[in-house]
Amino acid sequence: MKTNHCKIVDCTIRDGGLVNNWDFSVDFVQQLYAGLNEAGVDYMEIGYKNSPKLLKGAEEAGPWRFLNDDFLRKVIPQKGNTKLSALVDVGRVDENDILPRSESMLDLIRVACYSKDVDKALALVQTFHDRGYETTLNIMALSNVMENELLEAFELIKESSVDVVYIVDSYGSLDHNDVKYLVEKFKTHLPNKRLGVHTHNNMQLAFSNTLVAAELGVELLDASVYGMGRAAGNCPTELLVAHLKGTKYNLRPVLGVLEQLMVPLREKEEWGYILPYMITGALDEHPRSAMALRSSAEKDNVVDFYDKLTTPEVNFDK
């Protein structure tokens, strides 16, 4: 399997922050960055660059929810070879809060949106591109996007300045055939764009789906250490580092991060393959209902949960 073209984007702090409300200490993030840098990981997504004034609950969240450039300079005073990335959501970022790249610690800004907002996302991409950043467009919930919507989006994306377009398995419901189908479709309609993949582990397929994408030429591979991410989590960084052959990656520093940081954290916080998340993945649904179940007294009542989700007249609050 040829994987020399691949680059790993570690999302532990950004996606993992959805588990613990971004409550990572500065020391934790510094140790993680040092470990990833030593391991040769290409990018570390150090949080969101959304704007606190556009979101509720900003006061309670940790600083990685709304990255501040001065704060980042203190956190990573010496940047290594691992580049820094941040994610923004359409409608949640004020573009005036984004400095030019020459004045920022960030190298890559990724813009996440649903298919109906691709035009707005690409306007943001253009702004960030003009300010010197590498850019990606991450269309979420692809498993629920209608064919005609996707084709309309492709027309806009093809003419845009975006560097990388992501195939995102938001609900962890795709298998290798779905990934193959999507990669081929994206390649056909966007021959001038590089591709990325972001998988979730609801069906224990995050790693294998990522490898399928890599084998088909997808370049940016999202992952997180110990798979830490919302609900079922992501493709584990350590598995990619161990598996991508003939590359510069070094597993030992990632094992150090796992032992010192992630294993103790997993004892306090819950993420990963857990039955309610498997059920929402199997049904191609957002994991919010499973997350609500896991924080209730009925957290292990999986048969009842499945029945509720598959009975038409019962609706969880969306």
C-alpha atoms as a PDB file:
ATOM      1  CA  MET A   1       0.000   0.000   0.000  1.00  0.00           C
ATOM      2  CA  LYS A   2       1.461   3.336  -1.083  1.00  0.00           C
ATOM      3  CA  THR A   3       1.085   5.973   1.613  1.00  0.00           C
ATOM      4  CA  ASN A   4       4.026   8.287   0.943  1.00  0.00           C
ATOM      5  CA  HIS A   5       1.585  11.005  -0.096  1.00  0.00           C
ATOM      6  CA  CYS A   6      -0.261  10.926   3.258  1.00  0.00           C
ATOM      7  CA  LYS A   7      -0.153  13.545   5.983  1.00  0.00           C
ATOM      8  CA  ILE A   8      -1.671  13.056   9.453  1.00  0.00           C
ATOM      9  CA  VAL A   9      -3.818  15.796  10.987  1.00  0.00           C
ATOM     10  CA  ASP A  10      -4.112  15.100  14.722  1.00  0.00           C
ATOM     11  CA  CYS A  11      -7.426  16.480  16.056  1.00  0.00           C
ATOM     12  CA  THR A  12      -7.090  15.374  19.703  1.00  0.00           C
ATOM     13  CA  ILE A  13      -7.526  18.840  21.211  1.00  0.00           C
ATOM     14  CA  ARG A  14     -10.196  20.113  18.801  1.00  0.00           C
ATOM     15  CA  ASP A  15     -12.396  17.010  18.427  1.00  0.00           C
ATOM     16  CA  GLY A  16     -11.437  15.584  21.821  1.00  0.00           C
ATOM     17  CA  GLY A  17     -12.487  18.897  23.347  1.00  0.00           C
ATOM     18  CA  LEU A  18     -16.075  18.000  22.466  1.00  0.00           C
ATOM     19  CA  VAL A  19     -15.742  15.289  25.159  1.00  0.00           C
ATOM     20  CA  ASN A  20     -14.438  17.429  28.051  1.00  0.00           C
ATOM     21  CA  ASN A  21     -15.509  20.956  27.023  1.00  0.00           C
ATOM     22  CA  TRP A  22     -11.900  21.722  25.995  1.00  0.00           C
ATOM     23  CA  ASP A  23     -10.721  21.397  29.577  1.00  0.00           C
ATOM     24  CA  PHE A  24      -7.089  20.592  28.726  1.00  0.00           C
ATOM     25  CA  SER A  25      -4.295  22.173  30.737  1.00  0.00           C
ATOM     26  CA  VAL A  26      -1.603  24.169  28.933  1.00  0.00           C
ATOM     27  CA  ASP A  27       0.906  21.551  30.103  1.00  0.00           C
ATOM     28  CA  PHE A  28      -1.212  18.765  28.528  1.00  0.00           C
ATOM     29  CA  VAL A  29      -1.309  20.551  25.172  1.00  0.00           C
ATOM     30  CA  GLN A  30       2.415  21.346  25.286  1.00  0.00           C
ATOM     31  CA  GLN A  31       3.291  17.704  26.011  1.00  0.00           C
ATOM     32  CA  LEU A  32       0.974  16.541  23.241  1.00  0.00           C
ATOM     33  CA  TYR A  33       2.517  18.955  20.740  1.00  0.00           C
ATOM     34  CA  ALA A  34       6.049  17.887  21.724  1.00  0.00           C
ATOM     35  CA  GLY A  35       5.121  14.204  21.324  1.00  0.00           C
ATOM     36  CA  LEU A  36       3.395  14.682  17.960  1.00  0.00           C
ATOM     37  CA  ASN A  37       6.276  16.811  16.698  1.00  0.00           C
ATOM     38  CA  GLU A  38       8.809  14.153  17.724  1.00  0.00           C
ATOM     39  CA  ALA A  39       6.632  11.481  16.097  1.00  0.00           C
ATOM     40  CA  GLY A  40       6.679  13.398  12.797  1.00  0.00           C
ATOM     41  CA  VAL A  41       2.917  14.045  12.706  1.00  0.00           C
ATOM     42  CA  ASP A  42       2.275  16.737  10.094  1.00  0.00           C
ATOM     43  CA  TYR A  43      -0.457  18.865  11.683  1.00  0.00           C
ATOM     44  CA  MET A  44      -1.903  19.337  15.148  1.00  0.00           C
ATOM     45  CA  GLU A  45      -5.377  20.854  15.266  1.00  0.00           C
ATOM     46  CA  ILE A  46      -5.073  22.832  18.450  1.00  0.00           C
ATOM     47  CA  GLY A  47      -8.721  23.896  18.686  1.00  0.00           C
ATOM     48  CA  TYR A  48     -11.477  26.002  17.165  1.00  0.00           C
ATOM     49  CA  LYS A  49     -11.020  29.572  15.945  1.00  0.00           C
ATOM     50  CA  ASN A  50     -14.725  30.382  16.299  1.00  0.00           C
ATOM     51  CA  SER A  51     -15.730  33.708  17.852  1.00  0.00           C
ATOM     52  CA  PRO A  52     -17.055  33.608  21.466  1.00  0.00           C
ATOM     53  CA  LYS A  53     -19.587  36.385  20.790  1.00  0.00           C
ATOM     54  CA  LEU A  54     -21.327  34.181  18.208  1.00  0.00           C
ATOM     55  CA  LEU A  55     -21.784  31.165  20.487  1.00  0.00           C
ATOM     56  CA  LYS A  56     -23.633  30.392  23.698  1.00  0.00           C
ATOM     57  CA  GLY A  57     -21.726  28.939  26.652  1.00  0.00           C
ATOM     58  CA  ALA A  58     -18.426  30.517  25.681  1.00  0.00           C
ATOM     59  CA  GLU A  59     -17.539  31.366  29.304  1.00  0.00           C
ATOM     60  CA  GLU A  60     -17.643  27.736  30.472  1.00  0.00           C
ATOM     61  CA  ALA A  61     -15.468  26.297  27.685  1.00  0.00           C
ATOM     62  CA  GLY A  62     -11.706  25.857  27.841  1.00  0.00           C
ATOM     63  CA  PRO A  63      -9.438  28.204  25.827  1.00  0.00           C
ATOM     64  CA  TRP A  64      -9.078  25.723  22.951  1.00  0.00           C
ATOM     65  CA  ARG A  65     -12.716  26.426  22.004  1.00  0.00           C
ATOM     66  CA  PHE A  66     -11.869  29.986  20.916  1.00  0.00           C
ATOM     67  CA  LEU A  67      -8.177  30.201  20.177  1.00  0.00           C
ATOM     68  CA  ASN A  68      -6.506  33.485  20.967  1.00  0.00           C
ATOM     69  CA  ASP A  69      -3.309  34.259  19.068  1.00  0.00           C
ATOM     70  CA  ASP A  70      -1.431  35.808  22.014  1.00  0.00           C
ATOM     71  CA  PHE A  71      -2.370  32.808  24.178  1.00  0.00           C
ATOM     72  CA  LEU A  72      -1.140  30.403  21.476  1.00  0.00           C
ATOM     73  CA  ARG A  73       2.224  32.150  21.296  1.00  0.00           C
ATOM     74  CA  LYS A  74       2.679  31.463  25.014  1.00  0.00           C
ATOM     75  CA  VAL A  75       1.535  27.834  24.711  1.00  0.00           C
ATOM     76  CA  ILE A  76       3.854  26.961  21.791  1.00  0.00           C
ATOM     77  CA  PRO A  77       6.780  29.385  22.091  1.00  0.00           C
ATOM     78  CA  GLN A  78       8.967  27.139  19.909  1.00  0.00           C
ATOM     79  CA  LYS A  79       7.145  25.674  16.944  1.00  0.00           C
ATOM     80  CA  GLY A  80       8.641  22.493  15.512  1.00  0.00           C
ATOM     81  CA  ASN A  81       7.936  20.876  12.150  1.00  0.00           C
ATOM     82  CA  THR A  82       4.360  19.984  13.135  1.00  0.00           C
ATOM     83  CA  LYS A  83       2.117  22.690  11.711  1.00  0.00           C
ATOM     84  CA  LEU A  84      -0.816  24.109  13.669  1.00  0.00           C
ATOM     85  CA  SER A  85      -4.395  23.962  12.464  1.00  0.00           C
ATOM     86  CA  ALA A  86      -7.730  25.324  13.682  1.00  0.00           C
ATOM     87  CA  LEU A  87     -11.310  24.664  12.613  1.00  0.00           C
ATOM     88  CA  VAL A  88     -14.076  27.214  12.126  1.00  0.00           C
ATOM     89  CA  ASP A  89     -17.796  26.646  11.570  1.00  0.00           C
ATOM     90  CA  VAL A  90     -19.825  28.686   9.112  1.00  0.00           C
ATOM     91  CA  GLY A  91     -21.915  31.211  11.061  1.00  0.00           C
ATOM     92  CA  ARG A  92     -19.750  30.907  14.175  1.00  0.00           C
ATOM     93  CA  VAL A  93     -16.670  32.845  13.158  1.00  0.00           C
ATOM     94  CA  ASP A  94     -16.049  36.554  12.698  1.00  0.00           C
ATOM     95  CA  GLU A  95     -13.443  36.786   9.957  1.00  0.00           C
ATOM     96  CA  ASN A  96     -12.063  39.939  11.625  1.00  0.00           C
ATOM     97  CA  ASP A  97     -10.827  37.696  14.460  1.00  0.00           C
ATOM     98  CA  ILE A  98      -8.428  35.924  12.074  1.00  0.00           C
ATOM     99  CA  LEU A  99      -5.010  37.570  11.754  1.00  0.00           C
ATOM    100  CA  PRO A 100      -2.939  37.272   8.580  1.00  0.00           C
ATOM    101  CA  ARG A 101      -0.890  34.066   8.637  1.00  0.00           C
ATOM    102  CA  SER A 102       2.336  36.072   8.901  1.00  0.00           C
ATOM    103  CA  GLU A 103       1.165  37.291  12.348  1.00  0.00           C
ATOM    104  CA  SER A 104      -0.451  34.035  13.488  1.00  0.00           C
ATOM    105  CA  MET A 105       0.731  30.743  14.996  1.00  0.00           C
ATOM    106  CA  LEU A 106      -1.675  28.878  12.703  1.00  0.00           C
ATOM    107  CA  ASP A 107      -0.760  27.433   9.313  1.00  0.00           C
ATOM    108  CA  LEU A 108      -4.011  25.775   8.284  1.00  0.00           C
ATOM    109  CA  ILE A 109      -7.617  26.904   8.775  1.00  0.00           C
ATOM    110  CA  ARG A 110     -10.332  24.375   8.055  1.00  0.00           C
ATOM    111  CA  VAL A 111     -13.893  25.484   7.370  1.00  0.00           C
ATOM    112  CA  ALA A 112     -16.705  23.091   8.334  1.00  0.00           C
ATOM    113  CA  CYS A 113     -20.206  23.405   6.922  1.00  0.00           C
ATOM    114  CA  TYR A 114     -23.266  21.482   5.834  1.00  0.00           C
ATOM    115  CA  SER A 115     -23.816  21.122   2.104  1.00  0.00           C
ATOM    116  CA  LYS A 116     -26.405  23.926   1.969  1.00  0.00           C
ATOM    117  CA  ASP A 117     -23.772  26.423   3.201  1.00  0.00           C
ATOM    118  CA  VAL A 118     -20.924  25.542   0.835  1.00  0.00           C
ATOM    119  CA  ASP A 119     -21.131  28.995  -0.793  1.00  0.00           C
ATOM    120  CA  LYS A 120     -20.723  30.735   2.594  1.00  0.00           C
ATOM    121  CA  ALA A 121     -17.907  28.361   3.538  1.00  0.00           C
ATOM    122  CA  LEU A 122     -16.045  29.087   0.310  1.00  0.00           C
ATOM    123  CA  ALA A 123     -16.329  32.853   0.921  1.00  0.00           C
ATOM    124  CA  LEU A 124     -14.560  32.261   4.274  1.00  0.00           C
ATOM    125  CA  VAL A 125     -12.006  30.005   2.578  1.00  0.00           C
ATOM    126  CA  GLN A 126     -11.227  32.795   0.108  1.00  0.00           C
ATOM    127  CA  THR A 127     -10.680  35.262   2.957  1.00  0.00           C
ATOM    128  CA  PHE A 128      -8.328  32.885   4.784  1.00  0.00           C
ATOM    129  CA  HIS A 129      -6.542  31.993   1.535  1.00  0.00           C
ATOM    130  CA  ASP A 130      -5.987  35.712   0.861  1.00  0.00           C
ATOM    131  CA  ARG A 131      -4.499  36.042   4.363  1.00  0.00           C
ATOM    132  CA  GLY A 132      -1.929  33.385   3.507  1.00  0.00           C
ATOM    133  CA  TYR A 133      -3.332  30.230   5.144  1.00  0.00           C
ATOM    134  CA  GLU A 134      -3.577  26.718   3.829  1.00  0.00           C
ATOM    135  CA  THR A 135      -7.306  25.912   3.697  1.00  0.00           C
ATOM    136  CA  THR A 136      -9.672  22.970   3.707  1.00  0.00           C
ATOM    137  CA  LEU A 137     -13.418  22.630   3.241  1.00  0.00           C
ATOM    138  CA  ASN A 138     -15.081  19.955   5.386  1.00  0.00           C
ATOM    139  CA  ILE A 139     -18.621  19.104   4.262  1.00  0.00           C
ATOM    140  CA  MET A 140     -20.265  17.410   7.240  1.00  0.00           C
ATOM    141  CA  ALA A 141     -22.835  14.592   7.336  1.00  0.00           C
ATOM    142  CA  LEU A 142     -22.062  13.435   3.798  1.00  0.00           C
ATOM    143  CA  SER A 143     -24.067  10.267   4.340  1.00  0.00           C
ATOM    144  CA  ASN A 144     -27.219  12.435   4.419  1.00  0.00           C
ATOM    145  CA  VAL A 145     -26.486  14.688   1.443  1.00  0.00           C
ATOM    146  CA  MET A 146     -28.649  14.371  -1.669  1.00  0.00           C
ATOM    147  CA  GLU A 147     -26.845  13.667  -4.933  1.00  0.00           C
ATOM    148  CA  ASN A 148     -28.001  16.867  -6.657  1.00  0.00           C
ATOM    149  CA  GLU A 149     -26.882  18.975  -3.670  1.00  0.00           C
ATOM    150  CA  LEU A 150     -23.435  17.438  -3.808  1.00  0.00           C
ATOM    151  CA  LEU A 151     -23.116  18.043  -7.555  1.00  0.00           C
ATOM    152  CA  GLU A 152     -24.075  21.712  -7.066  1.00  0.00           C
ATOM    153  CA  ALA A 153     -21.481  21.993  -4.298  1.00  0.00           C
ATOM    154  CA  PHE A 154     -18.803  20.451  -6.552  1.00  0.00           C
ATOM    155  CA  GLU A 155     -19.404  23.145  -9.190  1.00  0.00           C
ATOM    156  CA  LEU A 156     -18.695  25.868  -6.626  1.00  0.00           C
ATOM    157  CA  ILE A 157     -15.726  24.053  -5.055  1.00  0.00           C
ATOM    158  CA  LYS A 158     -14.016  23.360  -8.389  1.00  0.00           C
ATOM    159  CA  GLU A 159     -13.683  27.092  -9.122  1.00  0.00           C
ATOM    160  CA  SER A 160     -12.680  28.026  -5.555  1.00  0.00           C
ATOM    161  CA  SER A 161      -9.262  28.621  -3.993  1.00  0.00           C
ATOM    162  CA  VAL A 162      -9.620  25.838  -1.388  1.00  0.00           C
ATOM    163  CA  ASP A 163      -6.562  23.555  -1.139  1.00  0.00           C
ATOM    164  CA  VAL A 164      -8.109  20.361   0.275  1.00  0.00           C
ATOM    165  CA  VAL A 165     -11.687  19.049   0.293  1.00  0.00           C
ATOM    166  CA  TYR A 166     -12.690  16.618   3.039  1.00  0.00           C
ATOM    167  CA  ILE A 167     -14.843  13.528   2.960  1.00  0.00           C
ATOM    168  CA  VAL A 168     -16.419  13.537   6.441  1.00  0.00           C
ATOM    169  CA  ASP A 169     -18.190  10.545   7.973  1.00  0.00           C
ATOM    170  CA  SER A 170     -19.946  12.563  10.691  1.00  0.00           C
ATOM    171  CA  TYR A 171     -22.154   9.725  11.934  1.00  0.00           C
ATOM    172  CA  GLY A 172     -19.604   6.909  11.673  1.00  0.00           C
ATOM    173  CA  SER A 173     -22.001   5.059   9.398  1.00  0.00           C
ATOM    174  CA  LEU A 174     -19.894   4.542   6.264  1.00  0.00           C
ATOM    175  CA  ASP A 175     -18.076   1.352   5.310  1.00  0.00           C
ATOM    176  CA  HIS A 176     -15.187   0.761   2.894  1.00  0.00           C
ATOM    177  CA  ASN A 177     -17.493   0.583  -0.141  1.00  0.00           C
ATOM    178  CA  ASP A 178     -19.069   3.935   0.759  1.00  0.00           C
ATOM    179  CA  VAL A 179     -15.642   5.503   1.224  1.00  0.00           C
ATOM    180  CA  LYS A 180     -14.444   4.132  -2.111  1.00  0.00           C
ATOM    181  CA  TYR A 181     -17.587   5.427  -3.841  1.00  0.00           C
ATOM    182  CA  LEU A 182     -17.215   8.905  -2.304  1.00  0.00           C
ATOM    183  CA  VAL A 183     -13.488   9.221  -2.978  1.00  0.00           C
ATOM    184  CA  GLU A 184     -14.015   8.267  -6.610  1.00  0.00           C
ATOM    185  CA  LYS A 185     -16.916  10.712  -6.924  1.00  0.00           C
ATOM    186  CA  PHE A 186     -14.895  13.556  -5.381  1.00  0.00           C
ATOM    187  CA  LYS A 187     -11.920  12.754  -7.624  1.00  0.00           C
ATOM    188  CA  THR A 188     -14.122  12.715 -10.741  1.00  0.00           C
ATOM    189  CA  HIS A 189     -15.804  16.052  -9.986  1.00  0.00           C
ATOM    190  CA  LEU A 190     -12.854  17.801  -8.328  1.00  0.00           C
ATOM    191  CA  PRO A 191      -9.811  16.644 -10.323  1.00  0.00           C
ATOM    192  CA  ASN A 192      -7.955  19.849  -9.393  1.00  0.00           C
ATOM    193  CA  LYS A 193      -8.331  19.440  -5.600  1.00  0.00           C
ATOM    194  CA  ARG A 194      -6.437  17.441  -2.984  1.00  0.00           C
ATOM    195  CA  LEU A 195      -8.628  15.341  -0.679  1.00  0.00           C
ATOM    196  CA  GLY A 196      -8.837  14.650   3.051  1.00  0.00           C
ATOM    197  CA  VAL A 197     -10.828  12.196   5.188  1.00  0.00           C
ATOM    198  CA  HIS A 198     -12.354  12.459   8.683  1.00  0.00           C
ATOM    199  CA  THR A 199     -13.871   9.289  10.124  1.00  0.00           C
ATOM    200  CA  HIS A 200     -15.762   8.334  13.283  1.00  0.00           C
ATOM    201  CA  ASN A 201     -15.560   4.994  15.053  1.00  0.00           C
ATOM    202  CA  ASN A 202     -19.229   4.139  15.740  1.00  0.00           C
ATOM    203  CA  MET A 203     -18.932   0.896  13.754  1.00  0.00           C
ATOM    204  CA  GLN A 204     -15.241   0.249  14.579  1.00  0.00           C
ATOM    205  CA  LEU A 205     -14.388   1.231  10.989  1.00  0.00           C
ATOM    206  CA  ALA A 206     -12.618   4.563  11.455  1.00  0.00           C
ATOM    207  CA  PHE A 207      -9.123   3.127  10.967  1.00  0.00           C
ATOM    208  CA  SER A 208      -9.931   0.819   8.060  1.00  0.00           C
ATOM    209  CA  ASN A 209     -12.011   3.498   6.286  1.00  0.00           C
ATOM    210  CA  THR A 210      -9.088   5.916   6.638  1.00  0.00           C
ATOM    211  CA  LEU A 211      -6.717   3.338   5.135  1.00  0.00           C
ATOM    212  CA  VAL A 212      -9.093   2.717   2.218  1.00  0.00           C
ATOM    213  CA  ALA A 213      -9.139   6.466   1.521  1.00  0.00           C
ATOM    214  CA  ALA A 214      -5.331   6.663   1.809  1.00  0.00           C
ATOM    215  CA  GLU A 215      -4.912   3.808  -0.644  1.00  0.00           C
ATOM    216  CA  LEU A 216      -7.104   5.686  -3.134  1.00  0.00           C
ATOM    217  CA  GLY A 217      -4.818   8.732  -2.945  1.00  0.00           C
ATOM    218  CA  VAL A 218      -6.493  10.801  -0.217  1.00  0.00           C
ATOM    219  CA  GLU A 219      -3.766  12.936   1.296  1.00  0.00           C
ATOM    220  CA  LEU A 220      -4.839  14.445   4.638  1.00  0.00           C
ATOM    221  CA  LEU A 221      -5.850  11.833   7.207  1.00  0.00           C
ATOM    222  CA  ASP A 222      -7.608  13.046  10.359  1.00  0.00           C
ATOM    223  CA  ALA A 223      -6.942  11.140  13.566  1.00  0.00           C
ATOM    224  CA  SER A 224      -6.693  11.646  17.333  1.00  0.00           C
ATOM    225  CA  VAL A 225      -4.538  10.046  19.997  1.00  0.00           C
ATOM    226  CA  TYR A 226      -6.394   7.100  21.604  1.00  0.00           C
ATOM    227  CA  GLY A 227      -9.222   7.998  19.205  1.00  0.00           C
ATOM    228  CA  MET A 228     -10.382  10.815  21.522  1.00  0.00           C
ATOM    229  CA  GLY A 229     -13.293  12.651  19.906  1.00  0.00           C
ATOM    230  CA  ARG A 230     -16.997  13.296  20.227  1.00  0.00           C
ATOM    231  CA  ALA A 231     -19.039  10.192  21.094  1.00  0.00           C
ATOM    232  CA  ALA A 232     -17.419   7.174  19.403  1.00  0.00           C
ATOM    233  CA  GLY A 233     -14.297   9.169  18.636  1.00  0.00           C
ATOM    234  CA  ASN A 234     -11.989   9.111  15.632  1.00  0.00           C
ATOM    235  CA  CYS A 235      -9.344   7.060  13.886  1.00  0.00           C
ATOM    236  CA  PRO A 236      -6.508   6.608  16.438  1.00  0.00           C
ATOM    237  CA  THR A 237      -3.355   8.556  15.564  1.00  0.00           C
ATOM    238  CA  GLU A 238      -1.175   5.788  16.991  1.00  0.00           C
ATOM    239  CA  LEU A 239      -2.628   3.251  14.533  1.00  0.00           C
ATOM    240  CA  LEU A 240      -1.829   5.446  11.527  1.00  0.00           C
ATOM    241  CA  VAL A 241       1.657   6.208  12.838  1.00  0.00           C
ATOM    242  CA  ALA A 242       2.289   2.470  13.313  1.00  0.00           C
ATOM    243  CA  HIS A 243       0.736   1.402  10.007  1.00  0.00           C
ATOM    244  CA  LEU A 244       1.751   3.937   7.344  1.00  0.00           C
ATOM    245  CA  LYS A 245       4.813   2.138   6.030  1.00  0.00           C
ATOM    246  CA  GLY A 246       7.890   3.719   4.529  1.00  0.00           C
ATOM    247  CA  THR A 247       7.120   7.043   6.155  1.00  0.00           C
ATOM    248  CA  LYS A 248       8.932   9.286   8.575  1.00  0.00           C
ATOM    249  CA  TYR A 249       6.557   8.569  11.476  1.00  0.00           C
ATOM    250  CA  ASN A 250       7.890   7.350  14.802  1.00  0.00           C
ATOM    251  CA  LEU A 251       5.562   5.471  17.158  1.00  0.00           C
ATOM    252  CA  ARG A 252       7.495   5.733  20.422  1.00  0.00           C
ATOM    253  CA  PRO A 253       6.724   9.415  21.189  1.00  0.00           C
ATOM    254  CA  VAL A 254       3.006   8.757  20.595  1.00  0.00           C
ATOM    255  CA  LEU A 255       3.149   5.853  23.057  1.00  0.00           C
ATOM    256  CA  GLY A 256       4.661   8.281  25.563  1.00  0.00           C
ATOM    257  CA  VAL A 257       1.720  10.666  25.067  1.00  0.00           C
ATOM    258  CA  LEU A 258      -0.715   7.759  25.443  1.00  0.00           C
ATOM    259  CA  GLU A 259       0.872   6.533  28.655  1.00  0.00           C
ATOM    260  CA  GLN A 260       1.296   9.923  30.314  1.00  0.00           C
ATOM    261  CA  LEU A 261      -1.768  11.816  29.108  1.00  0.00           C
ATOM    262  CA  MET A 262      -4.442   9.802  27.368  1.00  0.00           C
ATOM    263  CA  VAL A 263      -4.763   6.619  29.441  1.00  0.00           C
ATOM    264  CA  PRO A 264      -5.280   8.621  32.691  1.00  0.00           C
ATOM    265  CA  LEU A 265      -7.734  10.939  30.905  1.00  0.00           C
ATOM    266  CA  ARG A 266      -9.762   7.982  29.578  1.00  0.00           C
ATOM    267  CA  GLU A 267     -10.373   6.924  33.178  1.00  0.00           C
ATOM    268  CA  LYS A 268     -12.151  10.240  33.798  1.00  0.00           C
ATOM    269  CA  GLU A 269     -13.830  10.911  30.448  1.00  0.00           C
ATOM    270  CA  GLU A 270     -15.779   8.582  28.179  1.00  0.00           C
ATOM    271  CA  TRP A 271     -15.360   8.241  24.426  1.00  0.00           C
ATOM    272  CA  GLY A 272     -14.891   5.449  21.909  1.00  0.00           C
ATOM    273  CA  TYR A 273     -16.770   2.402  20.699  1.00  0.00           C
ATOM    274  CA  ILE A 274     -19.781   2.094  23.032  1.00  0.00           C
ATOM    275  CA  LEU A 275     -23.065   0.366  22.146  1.00  0.00           C
ATOM    276  CA  PRO A 276     -25.423   3.380  21.890  1.00  0.00           C
ATOM    277  CA  TYR A 277     -22.948   5.015  19.474  1.00  0.00           C
ATOM    278  CA  MET A 278     -22.844   1.797  17.465  1.00  0.00           C
ATOM    279  CA  ILE A 279     -26.648   1.944  17.223  1.00  0.00           C
ATOM    280  CA  THR A 280     -26.729   5.551  15.936  1.00  0.00           C
ATOM    281  CA  GLY A 281     -23.943   4.660  13.475  1.00  0.00           C
ATOM    282  CA  ALA A 282     -25.859   1.625  12.224  1.00  0.00           C
ATOM    283  CA  LEU A 283     -28.957   3.821  11.753  1.00  0.00           C
ATOM    284  CA  ASP A 284     -26.957   6.654  10.107  1.00  0.00           C
ATOM    285  CA  GLU A 285     -28.019   9.154  12.773  1.00  0.00           C
ATOM    286  CA  HIS A 286     -26.317  11.989  14.624  1.00  0.00           C
ATOM    287  CA  PRO A 287     -24.959  10.650  17.961  1.00  0.00           C
ATOM    288  CA  ARG A 288     -26.688  13.348  20.072  1.00  0.00           C
ATOM    289  CA  SER A 289     -29.411  10.954  21.280  1.00  0.00           C
ATOM    290  CA  ALA A 290     -26.772   8.374  22.294  1.00  0.00           C
ATOM    291  CA  MET A 291     -24.753  11.060  24.080  1.00  0.00           C
ATOM    292  CA  ALA A 292     -27.877  12.054  26.022  1.00  0.00           C
ATOM    293  CA  LEU A 293     -28.488   8.407  26.919  1.00  0.00           C
ATOM    294  CA  ARG A 294     -24.906   7.951  28.172  1.00  0.00           C
ATOM    295  CA  SER A 295     -25.299  10.885  30.558  1.00  0.00           C
ATOM    296  CA  SER A 296     -28.574   9.509  31.995  1.00  0.00           C
ATOM    297  CA  ALA A 297     -29.429   6.842  34.571  1.00  0.00           C
ATOM    298  CA  GLU A 298     -30.515   4.519  31.714  1.00  0.00           C
ATOM    299  CA  LYS A 299     -27.134   4.688  30.015  1.00  0.00           C
ATOM    300  CA  ASP A 300     -26.856   0.926  29.399  1.00  0.00           C
ATOM    301  CA  ASN A 301     -30.468   0.257  28.299  1.00  0.00           C
ATOM    302  CA  VAL A 302     -29.520  -0.345  24.688  1.00  0.00           C
ATOM    303  CA  VAL A 303     -32.552  -2.421  23.599  1.00  0.00           C
ATOM    304  CA  ASP A 304     -34.978   0.252  24.774  1.00  0.00           C
ATOM    305  CA  PHE A 305     -32.817   2.917  23.099  1.00  0.00           C
ATOM    306  CA  TYR A 306     -32.817   0.979  19.812  1.00  0.00           C
ATOM    307  CA  ASP A 307     -36.596   0.522  19.985  1.00  0.00           C
ATOM    308  CA  LYS A 308     -37.113   4.242  20.544  1.00  0.00           C
ATOM    309  CA  LEU A 309     -34.914   5.143  17.586  1.00  0.00           C
ATOM    310  CA  THR A 310     -36.611   2.653  15.269  1.00  0.00           C
ATOM    311  CA  THR A 311     -40.206   3.444  16.273  1.00  0.00           C
ATOM    312  CA  PRO A 312     -41.504   6.158  13.924  1.00  0.00           C
ATOM    313  CA  GLU A 313     -43.745   8.006  16.385  1.00  0.00           C
ATOM    314  CA  VAL A 314     -41.009   8.571  18.980  1.00  0.00           C
ATOM    315  CA  ASN A 315     -38.754  11.558  18.408  1.00  0.00           C
ATOM    316  CA  PHE A 316     -35.782  12.704  20.406  1.00  0.00           C
ATOM    317  CA  ASP A 317     -35.338  16.448  20.587  1.00  0.00           C
ATOM    318  CA  LYS A 318     -33.205  17.310  17.621  1.00  0.00           C
END
